Protein backbone atom coordinates (compact mmCIF):
# COMPACT_ATOMS: atom_id res chain seq x y z
CA MET A 1 147.14 -52.99 -9.07
CA LYS A 2 150.23 -54.74 -7.70
CA TRP A 3 150.31 -52.52 -4.61
CA LYS A 4 146.66 -53.14 -3.84
CA ILE A 5 147.30 -56.88 -3.79
CA ILE A 6 150.32 -56.40 -1.54
CA ASN A 7 148.27 -54.22 0.81
CA VAL A 8 145.49 -56.80 1.03
CA LEU A 9 148.01 -59.57 1.72
CA LEU A 10 149.67 -57.50 4.47
CA LEU A 11 146.29 -56.80 6.06
CA ALA A 12 145.35 -60.48 5.93
CA LEU A 13 148.69 -61.51 7.43
CA GLY A 14 148.30 -58.90 10.17
CA GLY A 15 144.83 -60.15 11.01
CA TYR A 16 146.06 -63.75 11.16
CA VAL A 17 148.96 -62.86 13.45
CA LEU A 18 146.68 -60.79 15.70
CA TYR A 19 144.25 -63.71 15.94
CA ASN A 20 147.10 -65.95 17.12
CA ALA A 21 148.16 -63.26 19.61
CA TYR A 22 144.61 -63.21 20.95
CA ASP A 23 144.60 -67.00 21.18
CA VAL A 24 147.85 -67.10 23.15
CA LEU A 25 146.92 -64.21 25.44
CA ALA A 26 143.48 -65.72 26.07
CA GLY A 27 145.24 -68.87 27.27
CA PHE A 28 147.34 -66.72 29.60
CA LEU A 29 144.29 -64.91 31.00
CA ALA A 30 142.27 -68.12 31.35
CA GLY A 31 144.97 -69.62 33.52
CA VAL A 32 145.93 -72.48 31.22
CA ARG A 33 148.98 -74.05 32.80
CA GLY A 34 150.80 -77.31 32.38
CA THR A 35 153.88 -79.05 31.14
CA VAL A 36 152.75 -79.31 27.53
CA VAL A 37 153.32 -76.88 24.70
CA ILE A 38 151.11 -75.30 22.07
CA TYR A 39 152.10 -74.57 18.49
CA ARG A 40 151.35 -71.13 17.09
CA LEU A 41 152.88 -69.68 13.92
CA GLY A 42 155.60 -72.30 13.91
CA PHE A 43 156.67 -71.61 17.49
CA GLU A 44 156.56 -74.14 20.31
CA ILE A 45 155.20 -72.18 23.27
CA PRO A 46 155.41 -73.73 26.75
CA LEU A 47 152.29 -73.28 28.86
CA ASN A 48 153.68 -71.06 31.58
CA ASP A 49 152.98 -67.43 32.45
CA GLN A 50 156.17 -65.91 31.11
CA SER A 51 156.13 -67.68 27.75
CA LEU A 52 152.44 -67.13 27.07
CA LEU A 53 152.66 -63.44 27.89
CA GLY A 54 155.91 -62.91 25.99
CA TYR A 55 154.85 -64.69 22.81
CA GLY A 56 151.36 -63.20 22.96
CA LEU A 57 152.68 -59.65 23.18
CA PHE A 58 155.26 -60.35 20.46
CA PHE A 59 152.54 -61.64 18.13
CA ALA A 60 150.34 -58.64 18.94
CA VAL A 61 153.09 -56.14 18.10
CA LEU A 62 154.02 -58.03 14.94
CA GLY A 63 150.37 -58.18 13.84
CA ALA A 64 149.92 -54.46 14.46
CA LEU A 65 153.01 -53.72 12.37
CA PHE A 66 151.64 -55.82 9.51
CA LEU A 67 148.31 -54.00 9.74
CA LEU A 68 150.00 -50.59 9.69
CA ALA A 69 152.49 -51.47 6.94
CA PRO A 70 150.17 -50.55 4.03
CA ILE A 71 149.71 -47.07 5.47
CA PHE A 72 153.45 -46.52 5.75
CA VAL A 73 154.15 -47.98 2.30
CA ASN A 74 151.51 -45.76 0.70
CA ARG A 75 152.89 -42.65 2.42
CA LEU A 76 156.39 -43.42 1.19
CA ARG A 77 155.10 -43.99 -2.35
CA VAL A 78 153.20 -40.67 -2.32
CA ARG A 79 156.23 -38.76 -1.03
CA ARG A 80 158.39 -40.18 -3.82
CA GLY A 81 155.77 -39.36 -6.41
CA VAL A 82 155.08 -42.97 -7.37
CA VAL A 83 151.31 -42.84 -7.64
CA GLU A 84 149.37 -45.48 -9.52
CA LYS A 85 146.96 -44.19 -12.16
CA VAL A 86 143.62 -45.94 -12.13
């Protein structure tokens, strides 16, 4: 039961990070420019091309890793023979 909760939390965190990646990359594609900053996931991101693209791609990769983490964790648990009985 503990691993199911961890998997759901990882999936939720991955979805949240991917949503923020989408939000930052949408600002890049929409041409939002200026001298102000936006705050996403505790980061202060300047509104210029390089920062928006860099942070957006970083958030996308991090979100994808969080979404794939339950698959990798379950495979490692099965290989070690640690299978939860329902």
